[in-house]
N, C-alpha and C. Protein backbone atom coordinates (compact mmCIF):
# COMPACT_ATOMS: atom_id res chain seq x y z
N MET A 1 0.82 -1.21 0.00
CA MET A 1 0.00 0.00 0.00
C MET A 1 0.85 1.26 0.00
N PHE A 2 1.96 1.27 0.79
CA PHE A 2 2.80 2.44 0.87
C PHE A 2 4.14 2.26 0.15
N GLY A 3 4.28 1.21 -0.61
CA GLY A 3 5.49 1.00 -1.35
C GLY A 3 6.59 0.33 -0.58
N PHE A 4 6.29 -0.16 0.64
CA PHE A 4 7.27 -0.86 1.45
C PHE A 4 6.86 -2.32 1.57
N LYS A 5 7.83 -3.18 1.83
CA LYS A 5 7.53 -4.57 2.15
C LYS A 5 6.86 -4.65 3.51
N LYS A 6 5.71 -5.31 3.57
CA LYS A 6 4.97 -5.42 4.82
C LYS A 6 5.61 -6.43 5.77
N SER A 7 5.61 -6.11 7.04
CA SER A 7 6.07 -7.03 8.08
C SER A 7 5.08 -6.92 9.22
N LYS A 8 3.92 -7.55 9.06
CA LYS A 8 2.77 -7.26 9.89
C LYS A 8 2.92 -7.66 11.36
N LEU A 9 3.52 -8.82 11.61
CA LEU A 9 3.43 -9.37 12.96
C LEU A 9 4.78 -9.58 13.63
N ASN A 10 5.87 -9.19 12.97
CA ASN A 10 7.20 -9.37 13.54
C ASN A 10 7.95 -8.04 13.52
N LEU A 11 8.60 -7.72 14.62
CA LEU A 11 9.37 -6.48 14.68
C LEU A 11 10.64 -6.61 13.84
N PRO A 12 11.04 -5.54 13.15
CA PRO A 12 12.24 -5.60 12.32
C PRO A 12 13.51 -5.56 13.16
N GLY A 13 14.57 -6.14 12.66
CA GLY A 13 15.88 -6.00 13.27
C GLY A 13 16.55 -4.74 12.77
N PRO A 14 17.69 -4.37 13.36
CA PRO A 14 18.38 -3.14 12.95
C PRO A 14 18.74 -3.12 11.46
N GLU A 15 19.05 -4.30 10.91
CA GLU A 15 19.43 -4.33 9.50
C GLU A 15 18.23 -4.17 8.58
N GLU A 16 17.01 -4.35 9.09
CA GLU A 16 15.79 -4.22 8.28
C GLU A 16 15.13 -2.87 8.42
N ALA A 17 15.37 -2.18 9.53
CA ALA A 17 14.62 -0.96 9.85
C ALA A 17 14.94 0.16 8.86
N LEU A 18 13.92 0.95 8.59
CA LEU A 18 14.09 2.11 7.72
C LEU A 18 14.99 3.15 8.38
N ALA A 19 15.66 3.92 7.55
CA ALA A 19 16.69 4.84 8.05
C ALA A 19 16.10 6.05 8.77
N GLY A 20 14.91 6.48 8.38
CA GLY A 20 14.32 7.66 8.99
C GLY A 20 15.05 8.93 8.59
N ARG A 21 15.04 9.91 9.51
CA ARG A 21 15.61 11.22 9.18
C ARG A 21 15.99 11.96 10.45
N ALA A 22 16.80 12.97 10.32
CA ALA A 22 17.23 13.75 11.48
C ALA A 22 16.20 14.82 11.86
N GLU A 23 15.40 15.26 10.90
CA GLU A 23 14.47 16.35 11.13
C GLU A 23 13.19 15.85 11.79
N ALA A 24 12.78 16.50 12.86
CA ALA A 24 11.54 16.14 13.53
C ALA A 24 10.33 16.58 12.70
N ILE A 25 9.27 15.83 12.79
CA ILE A 25 8.02 16.21 12.15
C ILE A 25 7.43 17.40 12.90
N GLN A 26 6.94 18.37 12.16
CA GLN A 26 6.39 19.57 12.76
C GLN A 26 4.97 19.33 13.27
N VAL A 27 4.69 19.84 14.45
CA VAL A 27 3.36 19.72 15.03
C VAL A 27 2.83 21.11 15.35
N PRO A 28 1.51 21.25 15.50
CA PRO A 28 0.95 22.56 15.86
C PRO A 28 1.51 23.03 17.20
N PRO A 29 1.60 24.32 17.40
CA PRO A 29 2.18 24.81 18.66
C PRO A 29 1.32 24.53 19.88
N ARG A 30 -0.02 24.39 19.69
CA ARG A 30 -0.90 24.21 20.84
C ARG A 30 -1.90 23.09 20.59
N HIS A 31 -2.33 22.46 21.70
CA HIS A 31 -3.30 21.38 21.68
C HIS A 31 -4.63 21.91 21.14
N PHE A 32 -5.23 21.19 20.20
CA PHE A 32 -6.45 21.65 19.56
C PHE A 32 -7.61 21.77 20.54
N VAL A 33 -7.62 20.94 21.59
CA VAL A 33 -8.74 20.92 22.53
C VAL A 33 -8.54 21.89 23.68
N ASN A 34 -7.38 21.83 24.34
CA ASN A 34 -7.23 22.64 25.56
C ASN A 34 -6.26 23.80 25.43
N GLY A 35 -5.59 23.93 24.30
CA GLY A 35 -4.74 25.08 24.07
C GLY A 35 -3.39 25.06 24.73
N HIS A 36 -3.04 23.99 25.43
CA HIS A 36 -1.73 23.93 26.08
C HIS A 36 -0.62 23.72 25.06
N PRO A 37 0.58 24.19 25.36
CA PRO A 37 1.70 24.01 24.42
C PRO A 37 1.98 22.53 24.17
N MET A 38 2.19 22.18 22.92
CA MET A 38 2.42 20.77 22.57
C MET A 38 3.83 20.31 22.90
N LEU A 39 4.79 21.19 22.80
CA LEU A 39 6.18 20.78 22.97
C LEU A 39 6.66 21.07 24.39
N PRO A 40 7.60 20.27 24.91
CA PRO A 40 8.16 20.54 26.23
C PRO A 40 8.98 21.83 26.20
N PRO A 41 9.27 22.37 27.41
CA PRO A 41 9.07 21.76 28.74
C PRO A 41 7.62 21.83 29.20
N TYR A 42 7.22 20.79 29.97
CA TYR A 42 5.90 20.76 30.57
C TYR A 42 6.02 21.19 32.03
N PRO A 43 4.90 21.49 32.68
CA PRO A 43 4.98 22.01 34.06
C PRO A 43 5.76 21.10 34.99
N GLU A 44 6.54 21.71 35.85
CA GLU A 44 7.35 20.97 36.82
C GLU A 44 6.46 20.15 37.74
N GLY A 45 6.88 18.91 37.98
CA GLY A 45 6.15 18.03 38.87
C GLY A 45 5.06 17.21 38.20
N PHE A 46 4.79 17.46 36.93
CA PHE A 46 3.78 16.69 36.22
C PHE A 46 4.38 15.36 35.75
N GLY A 47 3.56 14.32 35.68
CA GLY A 47 3.99 13.02 35.22
C GLY A 47 3.86 12.90 33.71
N ARG A 48 4.64 11.99 33.15
CA ARG A 48 4.61 11.77 31.71
C ARG A 48 4.73 10.28 31.44
N VAL A 49 3.89 9.75 30.54
CA VAL A 49 3.92 8.34 30.18
C VAL A 49 3.46 8.20 28.73
N LEU A 50 3.92 7.14 28.07
CA LEU A 50 3.50 6.82 26.71
C LEU A 50 2.68 5.54 26.75
N LEU A 51 1.48 5.58 26.17
CA LEU A 51 0.55 4.46 26.23
C LEU A 51 0.11 4.07 24.84
N GLY A 52 0.25 2.77 24.52
CA GLY A 52 -0.17 2.24 23.23
C GLY A 52 -1.38 1.35 23.39
N LEU A 53 -2.49 1.72 22.74
CA LEU A 53 -3.75 0.97 22.86
C LEU A 53 -4.30 0.61 21.48
N GLY A 54 -3.45 0.49 20.49
CA GLY A 54 -3.94 0.32 19.12
C GLY A 54 -3.95 1.65 18.41
N CYS A 55 -4.90 1.86 17.50
CA CYS A 55 -4.99 3.10 16.74
C CYS A 55 -5.03 4.29 17.70
N PHE A 56 -4.14 5.25 17.49
CA PHE A 56 -3.99 6.30 18.49
C PHE A 56 -5.05 7.38 18.43
N TRP A 57 -5.90 7.41 17.41
CA TRP A 57 -6.93 8.45 17.34
C TRP A 57 -7.90 8.35 18.52
N GLY A 58 -8.54 7.21 18.67
CA GLY A 58 -9.49 7.03 19.76
C GLY A 58 -8.83 7.01 21.11
N ALA A 59 -7.62 6.44 21.18
CA ALA A 59 -6.90 6.38 22.45
C ALA A 59 -6.60 7.78 22.97
N GLU A 60 -6.18 8.68 22.09
CA GLU A 60 -5.87 10.03 22.56
C GLU A 60 -7.12 10.70 23.12
N ARG A 61 -8.25 10.59 22.43
CA ARG A 61 -9.48 11.22 22.93
C ARG A 61 -9.84 10.71 24.32
N ARG A 62 -9.64 9.41 24.53
CA ARG A 62 -9.99 8.84 25.84
C ARG A 62 -9.22 9.54 26.96
N PHE A 63 -7.97 9.92 26.71
CA PHE A 63 -7.16 10.52 27.77
C PHE A 63 -7.33 12.03 27.87
N TRP A 64 -7.56 12.74 26.76
CA TRP A 64 -7.71 14.18 26.90
C TRP A 64 -9.02 14.52 27.63
N GLN A 65 -9.94 13.57 27.71
CA GLN A 65 -11.21 13.81 28.41
C GLN A 65 -11.09 13.70 29.92
N LEU A 66 -9.95 13.23 30.43
CA LEU A 66 -9.81 12.98 31.87
C LEU A 66 -9.41 14.26 32.61
N PRO A 67 -10.13 14.62 33.68
CA PRO A 67 -9.68 15.73 34.52
C PRO A 67 -8.29 15.45 35.08
N GLY A 68 -7.45 16.46 35.06
CA GLY A 68 -6.09 16.30 35.56
C GLY A 68 -5.08 15.98 34.50
N VAL A 69 -5.53 15.64 33.29
CA VAL A 69 -4.60 15.43 32.18
C VAL A 69 -4.32 16.79 31.53
N TYR A 70 -3.06 17.18 31.55
CA TYR A 70 -2.64 18.48 31.04
C TYR A 70 -2.50 18.47 29.52
N LEU A 71 -1.95 17.39 29.00
CA LEU A 71 -1.66 17.34 27.57
C LEU A 71 -1.73 15.92 27.06
N THR A 72 -2.22 15.76 25.85
CA THR A 72 -2.07 14.51 25.10
C THR A 72 -1.49 14.85 23.74
N ALA A 73 -0.76 13.90 23.19
CA ALA A 73 -0.26 14.01 21.83
C ALA A 73 -0.05 12.60 21.31
N VAL A 74 -0.21 12.42 20.01
CA VAL A 74 0.01 11.10 19.43
C VAL A 74 1.35 11.06 18.71
N GLY A 75 1.91 9.84 18.69
CA GLY A 75 3.20 9.69 18.05
C GLY A 75 3.64 8.25 18.02
N TYR A 76 4.93 8.06 17.87
CA TYR A 76 5.52 6.75 17.64
C TYR A 76 6.65 6.52 18.64
N ALA A 77 6.72 5.30 19.18
CA ALA A 77 7.75 4.98 20.17
C ALA A 77 7.98 3.47 20.19
N GLY A 78 9.13 3.08 20.75
CA GLY A 78 9.44 1.67 20.94
C GLY A 78 10.11 1.01 19.76
N GLY A 79 10.46 1.78 18.75
CA GLY A 79 11.06 1.20 17.55
C GLY A 79 12.48 1.66 17.31
N LEU A 80 12.89 1.61 16.05
CA LEU A 80 14.28 1.86 15.68
C LEU A 80 14.48 3.08 14.79
N THR A 81 13.47 3.46 14.04
CA THR A 81 13.62 4.49 13.01
C THR A 81 13.42 5.88 13.61
N PRO A 82 14.39 6.80 13.46
CA PRO A 82 14.21 8.15 14.00
C PRO A 82 13.26 8.98 13.13
N ASN A 83 12.37 9.71 13.81
CA ASN A 83 11.44 10.63 13.14
C ASN A 83 10.72 9.98 11.95
N PRO A 84 10.03 8.86 12.20
CA PRO A 84 9.36 8.18 11.09
C PRO A 84 8.10 8.92 10.66
N THR A 85 7.67 8.66 9.44
CA THR A 85 6.37 9.12 8.98
C THR A 85 5.32 8.06 9.29
N TYR A 86 4.06 8.44 9.20
CA TYR A 86 2.98 7.49 9.44
C TYR A 86 3.06 6.34 8.46
N GLU A 87 3.31 6.64 7.20
CA GLU A 87 3.41 5.58 6.19
C GLU A 87 4.53 4.62 6.51
N GLU A 88 5.65 5.12 7.01
CA GLU A 88 6.76 4.24 7.37
C GLU A 88 6.41 3.36 8.56
N VAL A 89 5.74 3.91 9.55
CA VAL A 89 5.32 3.11 10.70
C VAL A 89 4.36 2.00 10.25
N CYS A 90 3.42 2.35 9.37
CA CYS A 90 2.45 1.36 8.89
C CYS A 90 3.10 0.27 8.03
N SER A 91 4.30 0.51 7.55
CA SER A 91 4.99 -0.50 6.76
C SER A 91 5.44 -1.68 7.61
N GLY A 92 5.54 -1.48 8.93
CA GLY A 92 6.08 -2.51 9.80
C GLY A 92 7.58 -2.53 9.86
N LEU A 93 8.24 -1.56 9.22
CA LEU A 93 9.70 -1.57 9.13
C LEU A 93 10.37 -0.48 9.96
N THR A 94 9.64 0.03 10.94
CA THR A 94 10.26 0.97 11.89
C THR A 94 10.31 0.38 13.30
N GLY A 95 9.45 -0.57 13.60
CA GLY A 95 9.37 -1.17 14.93
C GLY A 95 8.58 -0.37 15.93
N HIS A 96 8.05 0.78 15.53
CA HIS A 96 7.34 1.64 16.47
C HIS A 96 5.91 1.18 16.70
N ALA A 97 5.42 1.50 17.89
CA ALA A 97 3.99 1.40 18.21
C ALA A 97 3.37 2.78 18.12
N GLU A 98 2.09 2.83 17.75
CA GLU A 98 1.33 4.06 17.85
C GLU A 98 1.04 4.29 19.33
N VAL A 99 1.42 5.45 19.85
CA VAL A 99 1.26 5.71 21.28
C VAL A 99 0.66 7.09 21.51
N VAL A 100 0.15 7.26 22.73
CA VAL A 100 -0.33 8.56 23.20
C VAL A 100 0.59 9.04 24.31
N LEU A 101 1.14 10.22 24.15
CA LEU A 101 1.85 10.89 25.24
C LEU A 101 0.81 11.50 26.16
N VAL A 102 0.86 11.13 27.43
CA VAL A 102 -0.06 11.68 28.43
C VAL A 102 0.77 12.40 29.49
N VAL A 103 0.52 13.70 29.63
CA VAL A 103 1.15 14.50 30.67
C VAL A 103 0.05 14.85 31.67
N HIS A 104 0.28 14.52 32.95
CA HIS A 104 -0.81 14.67 33.91
C HIS A 104 -0.31 15.32 35.20
N ASP A 105 -1.25 15.96 35.88
CA ASP A 105 -0.98 16.57 37.18
C ASP A 105 -1.31 15.54 38.25
N PRO A 106 -0.31 15.00 38.94
CA PRO A 106 -0.58 13.94 39.93
C PRO A 106 -1.38 14.42 41.13
N GLU A 107 -1.52 15.73 41.30
CA GLU A 107 -2.37 16.24 42.37
C GLU A 107 -3.84 16.02 42.05
N TYR A 108 -4.16 15.84 40.77
CA TYR A 108 -5.56 15.72 40.35
C TYR A 108 -5.91 14.34 39.79
N ILE A 109 -4.94 13.65 39.22
CA ILE A 109 -5.20 12.30 38.73
C ILE A 109 -3.95 11.46 38.93
N ALA A 110 -4.12 10.35 39.61
CA ALA A 110 -2.99 9.49 39.94
C ALA A 110 -2.61 8.64 38.74
N PHE A 111 -1.36 8.18 38.74
CA PHE A 111 -0.89 7.31 37.67
C PHE A 111 -1.72 6.03 37.61
N ARG A 112 -2.12 5.52 38.77
CA ARG A 112 -2.96 4.31 38.81
C ARG A 112 -4.28 4.53 38.06
N ASP A 113 -4.83 5.73 38.13
CA ASP A 113 -6.08 6.02 37.42
C ASP A 113 -5.86 6.02 35.91
N LEU A 114 -4.72 6.51 35.46
CA LEU A 114 -4.40 6.44 34.03
C LEU A 114 -4.26 4.98 33.60
N LEU A 115 -3.63 4.17 34.46
CA LEU A 115 -3.47 2.75 34.13
C LEU A 115 -4.82 2.05 34.06
N ALA A 116 -5.75 2.41 34.92
CA ALA A 116 -7.08 1.81 34.86
C ALA A 116 -7.75 2.11 33.53
N VAL A 117 -7.65 3.34 33.08
CA VAL A 117 -8.23 3.70 31.78
C VAL A 117 -7.52 2.93 30.66
N PHE A 118 -6.22 2.83 30.77
CA PHE A 118 -5.45 2.07 29.77
C PHE A 118 -5.93 0.63 29.67
N TRP A 119 -5.93 -0.09 30.78
CA TRP A 119 -6.29 -1.51 30.73
C TRP A 119 -7.73 -1.71 30.30
N GLU A 120 -8.62 -0.87 30.76
CA GLU A 120 -10.05 -1.08 30.54
C GLU A 120 -10.53 -0.61 29.16
N SER A 121 -9.69 0.13 28.43
CA SER A 121 -10.13 0.71 27.16
C SER A 121 -9.75 -0.10 25.93
N HIS A 122 -8.96 -1.19 26.13
CA HIS A 122 -8.57 -1.98 24.96
C HIS A 122 -8.42 -3.43 25.40
N ASP A 123 -8.05 -4.28 24.47
CA ASP A 123 -7.80 -5.70 24.76
C ASP A 123 -6.29 -5.92 24.78
N PRO A 124 -5.69 -6.05 25.95
CA PRO A 124 -4.23 -6.16 26.03
C PRO A 124 -3.70 -7.57 25.80
N THR A 125 -4.54 -8.46 25.26
CA THR A 125 -4.12 -9.86 25.07
C THR A 125 -3.94 -10.22 23.60
N GLN A 126 -3.98 -9.25 22.71
CA GLN A 126 -4.07 -9.57 21.28
C GLN A 126 -2.74 -9.56 20.54
N GLY A 127 -1.65 -9.30 21.24
CA GLY A 127 -0.37 -9.31 20.53
C GLY A 127 -0.26 -8.15 19.57
N MET A 128 0.09 -8.44 18.32
CA MET A 128 0.35 -7.39 17.33
C MET A 128 -0.93 -6.98 16.59
N ARG A 129 -1.94 -6.62 17.37
CA ARG A 129 -3.19 -6.17 16.75
C ARG A 129 -4.10 -5.58 17.80
N GLN A 130 -5.11 -4.86 17.34
CA GLN A 130 -6.28 -4.50 18.13
C GLN A 130 -7.47 -4.65 17.21
N GLY A 131 -8.28 -5.67 17.47
CA GLY A 131 -9.45 -5.90 16.63
C GLY A 131 -9.06 -6.11 15.18
N ASN A 132 -9.66 -5.32 14.30
CA ASN A 132 -9.37 -5.45 12.87
C ASN A 132 -8.09 -4.73 12.45
N ASP A 133 -7.48 -3.99 13.37
CA ASP A 133 -6.21 -3.30 13.07
C ASP A 133 -5.07 -4.26 13.37
N ILE A 134 -4.39 -4.70 12.33
CA ILE A 134 -3.37 -5.74 12.46
C ILE A 134 -2.01 -5.17 12.09
N GLY A 135 -1.03 -5.40 12.95
CA GLY A 135 0.32 -4.94 12.68
C GLY A 135 1.06 -4.60 13.96
N THR A 136 2.37 -4.55 13.87
CA THR A 136 3.20 -4.29 15.05
C THR A 136 2.91 -2.92 15.66
N GLN A 137 2.47 -1.97 14.85
CA GLN A 137 2.22 -0.62 15.38
C GLN A 137 0.99 -0.57 16.28
N TYR A 138 0.17 -1.63 16.28
CA TYR A 138 -1.04 -1.65 17.10
C TYR A 138 -0.86 -2.44 18.39
N ARG A 139 0.36 -2.80 18.73
CA ARG A 139 0.57 -3.59 19.94
C ARG A 139 0.29 -2.75 21.19
N SER A 140 -0.07 -3.45 22.25
CA SER A 140 -0.31 -2.83 23.54
C SER A 140 1.03 -2.52 24.21
N ALA A 141 1.17 -1.30 24.74
CA ALA A 141 2.47 -0.91 25.30
C ALA A 141 2.31 0.17 26.36
N ILE A 142 3.16 0.10 27.36
CA ILE A 142 3.31 1.15 28.36
C ILE A 142 4.80 1.48 28.42
N TYR A 143 5.15 2.72 28.13
CA TYR A 143 6.53 3.16 28.24
C TYR A 143 6.61 4.21 29.35
N VAL A 144 7.27 3.84 30.44
CA VAL A 144 7.28 4.66 31.65
C VAL A 144 8.49 5.58 31.67
N THR A 145 8.43 6.55 32.59
CA THR A 145 9.53 7.52 32.69
C THR A 145 10.19 7.55 34.05
N THR A 146 9.68 6.76 35.02
CA THR A 146 10.31 6.70 36.35
C THR A 146 10.26 5.27 36.85
N PRO A 147 11.16 4.91 37.76
CA PRO A 147 11.09 3.57 38.37
C PRO A 147 9.77 3.31 39.09
N GLU A 148 9.22 4.35 39.71
CA GLU A 148 7.95 4.19 40.41
C GLU A 148 6.84 3.85 39.43
N GLN A 149 6.81 4.51 38.29
CA GLN A 149 5.83 4.18 37.26
C GLN A 149 5.98 2.74 36.79
N LYS A 150 7.22 2.30 36.60
CA LYS A 150 7.43 0.94 36.12
C LYS A 150 6.90 -0.07 37.12
N ALA A 151 7.21 0.13 38.40
CA ALA A 151 6.73 -0.80 39.43
C ALA A 151 5.20 -0.83 39.45
N GLU A 152 4.57 0.33 39.32
CA GLU A 152 3.11 0.38 39.36
C GLU A 152 2.51 -0.24 38.10
N ALA A 153 3.15 -0.01 36.96
CA ALA A 153 2.65 -0.61 35.71
C ALA A 153 2.72 -2.14 35.78
N LEU A 154 3.82 -2.67 36.28
CA LEU A 154 3.95 -4.12 36.39
C LEU A 154 2.94 -4.70 37.37
N SER A 155 2.76 -4.01 38.50
CA SER A 155 1.79 -4.47 39.49
C SER A 155 0.38 -4.45 38.92
N SER A 156 0.05 -3.39 38.20
CA SER A 156 -1.29 -3.30 37.62
C SER A 156 -1.51 -4.37 36.55
N ARG A 157 -0.46 -4.68 35.80
CA ARG A 157 -0.58 -5.75 34.81
C ARG A 157 -0.92 -7.07 35.48
N ASP A 158 -0.23 -7.37 36.56
CA ASP A 158 -0.50 -8.63 37.26
C ASP A 158 -1.91 -8.65 37.83
N SER A 159 -2.34 -7.52 38.38
CA SER A 159 -3.70 -7.44 38.92
C SER A 159 -4.74 -7.59 37.82
N TYR A 160 -4.47 -6.98 36.67
CA TYR A 160 -5.45 -7.07 35.59
C TYR A 160 -5.48 -8.48 35.01
N GLN A 161 -4.33 -9.14 34.96
CA GLN A 161 -4.33 -10.53 34.50
C GLN A 161 -5.17 -11.41 35.42
N GLN A 162 -5.04 -11.19 36.71
CA GLN A 162 -5.85 -11.96 37.66
C GLN A 162 -7.33 -11.68 37.47
N ALA A 163 -7.68 -10.41 37.21
CA ALA A 163 -9.08 -10.07 36.97
C ALA A 163 -9.59 -10.74 35.69
N LEU A 164 -8.76 -10.77 34.66
CA LEU A 164 -9.15 -11.44 33.41
C LEU A 164 -9.35 -12.94 33.67
N ASP A 165 -8.43 -13.55 34.41
CA ASP A 165 -8.55 -14.98 34.70
C ASP A 165 -9.85 -15.28 35.43
N ARG A 166 -10.19 -14.43 36.39
CA ARG A 166 -11.41 -14.66 37.17
C ARG A 166 -12.67 -14.54 36.33
N THR A 167 -12.62 -13.77 35.26
CA THR A 167 -13.82 -13.55 34.45
C THR A 167 -13.83 -14.40 33.18
N GLY A 168 -12.92 -15.37 33.12
CA GLY A 168 -12.99 -16.34 32.03
C GLY A 168 -12.24 -15.99 30.77
N HIS A 169 -11.44 -14.94 30.79
CA HIS A 169 -10.60 -14.61 29.63
C HIS A 169 -9.31 -15.44 29.73
N THR A 170 -9.08 -16.28 28.76
CA THR A 170 -8.02 -17.27 28.88
C THR A 170 -6.68 -16.84 28.29
N ARG A 171 -6.65 -15.78 27.50
CA ARG A 171 -5.39 -15.38 26.88
C ARG A 171 -4.54 -14.55 27.84
N PRO A 172 -3.22 -14.69 27.80
CA PRO A 172 -2.36 -13.88 28.66
C PRO A 172 -2.19 -12.47 28.10
N ILE A 173 -1.93 -11.54 28.98
CA ILE A 173 -1.63 -10.16 28.57
C ILE A 173 -0.31 -10.13 27.81
N THR A 174 -0.30 -9.40 26.71
CA THR A 174 0.91 -9.29 25.87
C THR A 174 1.51 -7.89 25.91
N THR A 175 1.01 -7.04 26.78
CA THR A 175 1.44 -5.64 26.83
C THR A 175 2.95 -5.53 27.06
N GLU A 176 3.60 -4.74 26.25
CA GLU A 176 5.03 -4.44 26.40
C GLU A 176 5.18 -3.31 27.40
N ILE A 177 5.99 -3.53 28.44
CA ILE A 177 6.26 -2.49 29.43
C ILE A 177 7.74 -2.16 29.37
N GLY A 178 8.05 -0.94 28.97
CA GLY A 178 9.44 -0.54 28.78
C GLY A 178 9.70 0.82 29.39
N GLU A 179 10.94 1.27 29.26
CA GLU A 179 11.38 2.50 29.92
C GLU A 179 11.71 3.59 28.93
N ASP A 180 10.94 4.65 28.97
CA ASP A 180 11.19 5.95 28.35
C ASP A 180 11.97 5.91 27.02
N PRO A 181 11.41 5.27 26.00
CA PRO A 181 12.09 5.32 24.70
C PRO A 181 11.91 6.69 24.06
N ALA A 182 12.62 6.93 22.99
CA ALA A 182 12.40 8.16 22.24
C ALA A 182 10.95 8.23 21.77
N PHE A 183 10.36 9.42 21.86
CA PHE A 183 9.01 9.66 21.38
C PHE A 183 9.08 10.61 20.20
N TYR A 184 8.46 10.20 19.09
CA TYR A 184 8.43 11.01 17.89
C TYR A 184 6.99 11.43 17.62
N PHE A 185 6.75 12.74 17.61
CA PHE A 185 5.40 13.23 17.34
C PHE A 185 4.93 12.79 15.96
N ALA A 186 3.66 12.40 15.90
CA ALA A 186 3.03 12.11 14.61
C ALA A 186 2.69 13.41 13.90
N GLU A 187 2.34 13.27 12.64
CA GLU A 187 2.02 14.42 11.80
C GLU A 187 0.86 15.24 12.36
N ALA A 188 0.81 16.52 11.98
CA ALA A 188 -0.17 17.45 12.54
C ALA A 188 -1.60 16.96 12.38
N TYR A 189 -1.92 16.33 11.26
CA TYR A 189 -3.32 15.94 11.03
C TYR A 189 -3.76 14.82 11.97
N HIS A 190 -2.82 14.09 12.55
CA HIS A 190 -3.17 13.05 13.52
C HIS A 190 -3.44 13.61 14.91
N GLN A 191 -2.89 14.77 15.22
CA GLN A 191 -3.02 15.30 16.58
C GLN A 191 -4.47 15.70 16.86
N GLN A 192 -5.03 15.15 17.96
CA GLN A 192 -6.42 15.43 18.35
C GLN A 192 -7.38 15.21 17.18
N TYR A 193 -7.13 14.12 16.46
CA TYR A 193 -7.84 13.86 15.21
C TYR A 193 -9.36 13.83 15.41
N LEU A 194 -9.81 13.18 16.47
CA LEU A 194 -11.25 13.02 16.63
C LEU A 194 -11.93 14.28 17.16
N ALA A 195 -11.18 15.24 17.65
CA ALA A 195 -11.76 16.55 17.94
C ALA A 195 -12.00 17.33 16.64
N LYS A 196 -11.12 17.13 15.67
CA LYS A 196 -11.26 17.79 14.38
C LYS A 196 -12.23 17.04 13.46
N ASN A 197 -12.34 15.73 13.68
CA ASN A 197 -13.18 14.87 12.84
C ASN A 197 -14.03 13.99 13.75
N PRO A 198 -15.09 14.54 14.35
CA PRO A 198 -15.84 13.80 15.38
C PRO A 198 -16.43 12.47 14.90
N GLN A 199 -16.66 12.32 13.62
CA GLN A 199 -17.22 11.07 13.10
C GLN A 199 -16.13 10.13 12.58
N GLY A 200 -14.89 10.44 12.89
CA GLY A 200 -13.78 9.63 12.40
C GLY A 200 -13.70 8.28 13.09
N TYR A 201 -12.81 7.45 12.57
CA TYR A 201 -12.66 6.07 13.03
C TYR A 201 -12.14 6.01 14.46
N CYS A 202 -12.77 5.17 15.27
CA CYS A 202 -12.28 4.85 16.61
C CYS A 202 -12.45 3.36 16.83
N GLY A 203 -11.35 2.65 16.97
CA GLY A 203 -11.39 1.20 17.12
C GLY A 203 -11.28 0.71 18.55
N LEU A 204 -11.37 1.61 19.54
CA LEU A 204 -11.23 1.18 20.93
C LEU A 204 -12.33 0.22 21.33
N ALA A 205 -11.94 -0.87 21.96
CA ALA A 205 -12.91 -1.83 22.48
C ALA A 205 -12.25 -2.61 23.61
N GLY A 206 -12.75 -2.44 24.82
CA GLY A 206 -12.19 -3.13 25.96
C GLY A 206 -12.86 -4.47 26.19
N LEU A 207 -12.52 -5.12 27.29
CA LEU A 207 -13.02 -6.45 27.63
C LEU A 207 -14.09 -6.41 28.72
N ASN A 208 -14.50 -5.20 29.10
CA ASN A 208 -15.53 -5.04 30.14
C ASN A 208 -15.10 -5.66 31.46
N VAL A 209 -13.81 -5.51 31.76
CA VAL A 209 -13.23 -5.99 33.02
C VAL A 209 -12.51 -4.81 33.68
N LYS A 210 -12.80 -4.56 34.95
CA LYS A 210 -12.22 -3.44 35.67
C LYS A 210 -10.87 -3.82 36.30
N LEU A 211 -9.97 -2.84 36.37
CA LEU A 211 -8.74 -3.04 37.12
C LEU A 211 -9.06 -3.00 38.60
N PRO A 212 -8.70 -4.04 39.35
CA PRO A 212 -8.99 -4.05 40.79
C PRO A 212 -8.26 -2.90 41.50
N PRO A 213 -8.79 -2.43 42.62
CA PRO A 213 -8.10 -1.41 43.40
C PRO A 213 -6.71 -1.90 43.85
N ALA A 214 -5.82 -0.97 44.00
CA ALA A 214 -4.45 -1.32 44.43
C ALA A 214 -4.46 -1.87 45.86
């Protein structure tokens, strides 16, 4: 479709990954919904995490609606190619997941609350897909920025797996939990896409299972 060899379900190695570019993709200066600056620095003391729930359009809307979330932005993380384009990510030859950058004020919304929305808004057992969206870029992922976030993400994963087991879901969670990889902003038209296009595609679908309290 985009002129690249497809690699739908396997991550590329360094010798396969596209070269990318040194220049960052340009994004609008301010968030389309709340008007906050898109680029760092962000307010001191605010938390930052990258969350992959499949197609990032619907995922971003889910988080910008939460009180206490200062900023959301969509982009690419967890792969090898610097500053990739959307078409390159969709080729399967960058290794990146589609992710949402969530910057939040911990005085108003705890990291655990973000994790609850994450787990409950998608199916984290599907491997390299979400529903009809198939490919490595749709994998479930949490990329943390502090050791405390990592410990809480791992604990929440175990709790959510137990909740899935109790409710008869037999597949194991496949969510990738990693540490603060490079984040590359997606193109301007992807940012806050569903605010600009309210009838646009949203593939979010959870399992109707709640994350147990900590």
